[in-house]
Amino acid sequence: MYKIVRRKSLKPTVTQLEIEAPLVARKAKPGQFIILRVDEDGERIPLTVAGVNPEEGTV
């Protein structure tokens, strides 16, 4: 399970999350998508990668 490091509300309906995911942070690039699922049977939610920090291991 990945850990939410920071959460910032940009607008009432838009939230920016910084997730600790070292393996993803090494390969992901801004503009790509990651798929979020709350659990194995949960709905797949595509999220845009706004930026990565490979040194900290966050997306």
C-alpha atoms as a PDB file:
ATOM      1  CA  MET A   1       0.000   0.000   0.000  1.00  0.00           C
ATOM      2  CA  TYR A   2       1.304   3.455  -0.891  1.00  0.00           C
ATOM      3  CA  LYS A   3       1.396   6.306   1.621  1.00  0.00           C
ATOM      4  CA  ILE A   4      -0.020   9.803   1.013  1.00  0.00           C
ATOM      5  CA  VAL A   5       2.779  12.211   1.955  1.00  0.00           C
ATOM      6  CA  ARG A   6       1.029  15.536   1.208  1.00  0.00           C
ATOM      7  CA  ARG A   7      -2.492  16.587   0.355  1.00  0.00           C
ATOM      8  CA  LYS A   8      -3.317  20.063  -0.969  1.00  0.00           C
ATOM      9  CA  SER A   9      -6.728  21.386  -1.979  1.00  0.00           C
ATOM     10  CA  LEU A  10      -6.310  23.468  -5.153  1.00  0.00           C
ATOM     11  CA  LYS A  11     -10.034  24.116  -5.681  1.00  0.00           C
ATOM     12  CA  PRO A  12     -13.177  22.732  -4.051  1.00  0.00           C
ATOM     13  CA  THR A  13     -13.233  19.867  -6.574  1.00  0.00           C
ATOM     14  CA  VAL A  14      -9.473  19.496  -7.265  1.00  0.00           C
ATOM     15  CA  THR A  15      -6.970  17.969  -4.841  1.00  0.00           C
ATOM     16  CA  GLN A  16      -3.241  17.464  -5.346  1.00  0.00           C
ATOM     17  CA  LEU A  17      -1.784  14.369  -3.674  1.00  0.00           C
ATOM     18  CA  GLU A  18       1.881  13.480  -3.241  1.00  0.00           C
ATOM     19  CA  ILE A  19       2.259   9.706  -2.966  1.00  0.00           C
ATOM     20  CA  GLU A  20       5.269   7.757  -1.711  1.00  0.00           C
ATOM     21  CA  ALA A  21       5.930   5.261  -4.526  1.00  0.00           C
ATOM     22  CA  PRO A  22       9.670   4.885  -5.242  1.00  0.00           C
ATOM     23  CA  LEU A  23       9.360   2.374  -8.105  1.00  0.00           C
ATOM     24  CA  VAL A  24       6.766   4.500  -9.889  1.00  0.00           C
ATOM     25  CA  ALA A  25       8.725   7.722  -9.269  1.00  0.00           C
ATOM     26  CA  ARG A  26      11.761   6.314 -11.106  1.00  0.00           C
ATOM     27  CA  LYS A  27       9.861   5.626 -14.332  1.00  0.00           C
ATOM     28  CA  ALA A  28       6.808   7.936 -14.441  1.00  0.00           C
ATOM     29  CA  LYS A  29       6.891  11.191 -16.396  1.00  0.00           C
ATOM     30  CA  PRO A  30       4.591  14.231 -16.137  1.00  0.00           C
ATOM     31  CA  GLY A  31       1.543  13.802 -18.363  1.00  0.00           C
ATOM     32  CA  GLN A  32       1.380  10.034 -17.947  1.00  0.00           C
ATOM     33  CA  PHE A  33      -1.385   8.368 -15.970  1.00  0.00           C
ATOM     34  CA  ILE A  34      -1.406   6.077 -12.978  1.00  0.00           C
ATOM     35  CA  ILE A  35      -4.383   3.917 -12.058  1.00  0.00           C
ATOM     36  CA  LEU A  36      -5.729   4.153  -8.509  1.00  0.00           C
ATOM     37  CA  ARG A  37      -7.810   1.398  -6.925  1.00  0.00           C
ATOM     38  CA  VAL A  38      -8.954   1.563  -3.316  1.00  0.00           C
ATOM     39  CA  ASP A  39      -8.993  -2.245  -3.065  1.00  0.00           C
ATOM     40  CA  GLU A  40      -8.742  -5.271  -5.364  1.00  0.00           C
ATOM     41  CA  ASP A  41     -12.435  -5.089  -6.304  1.00  0.00           C
ATOM     42  CA  GLY A  42     -12.574  -1.281  -6.452  1.00  0.00           C
ATOM     43  CA  GLU A  43     -13.177   0.909  -9.461  1.00  0.00           C
ATOM     44  CA  ARG A  44     -10.080   1.909 -11.464  1.00  0.00           C
ATOM     45  CA  ILE A  45      -9.523   5.686 -11.362  1.00  0.00           C
ATOM     46  CA  PRO A  46      -6.986   7.215 -13.801  1.00  0.00           C
ATOM     47  CA  LEU A  47      -4.952  10.101 -12.352  1.00  0.00           C
ATOM     48  CA  THR A  48      -2.576  12.371 -14.265  1.00  0.00           C
ATOM     49  CA  VAL A  49       1.034  12.525 -13.067  1.00  0.00           C
ATOM     50  CA  ALA A  50       1.798  16.210 -12.504  1.00  0.00           C
ATOM     51  CA  GLY A  51       5.378  15.637 -11.405  1.00  0.00           C
ATOM     52  CA  VAL A  52       7.783  13.154  -9.853  1.00  0.00           C
ATOM     53  CA  ASN A  53      10.644  13.349  -7.369  1.00  0.00           C
ATOM     54  CA  PRO A  54      12.815  10.238  -7.811  1.00  0.00           C
ATOM     55  CA  GLU A  55      15.182  11.301  -4.981  1.00  0.00           C
ATOM     56  CA  GLU A  56      12.332  11.342  -2.430  1.00  0.00           C
ATOM     57  CA  GLY A  57      10.505   8.501  -4.187  1.00  0.00           C
ATOM     58  CA  THR A  58       7.273  10.460  -4.595  1.00  0.00           C
ATOM     59  CA  VAL A  59       4.787  11.033  -7.400  1.00  0.00           C
END
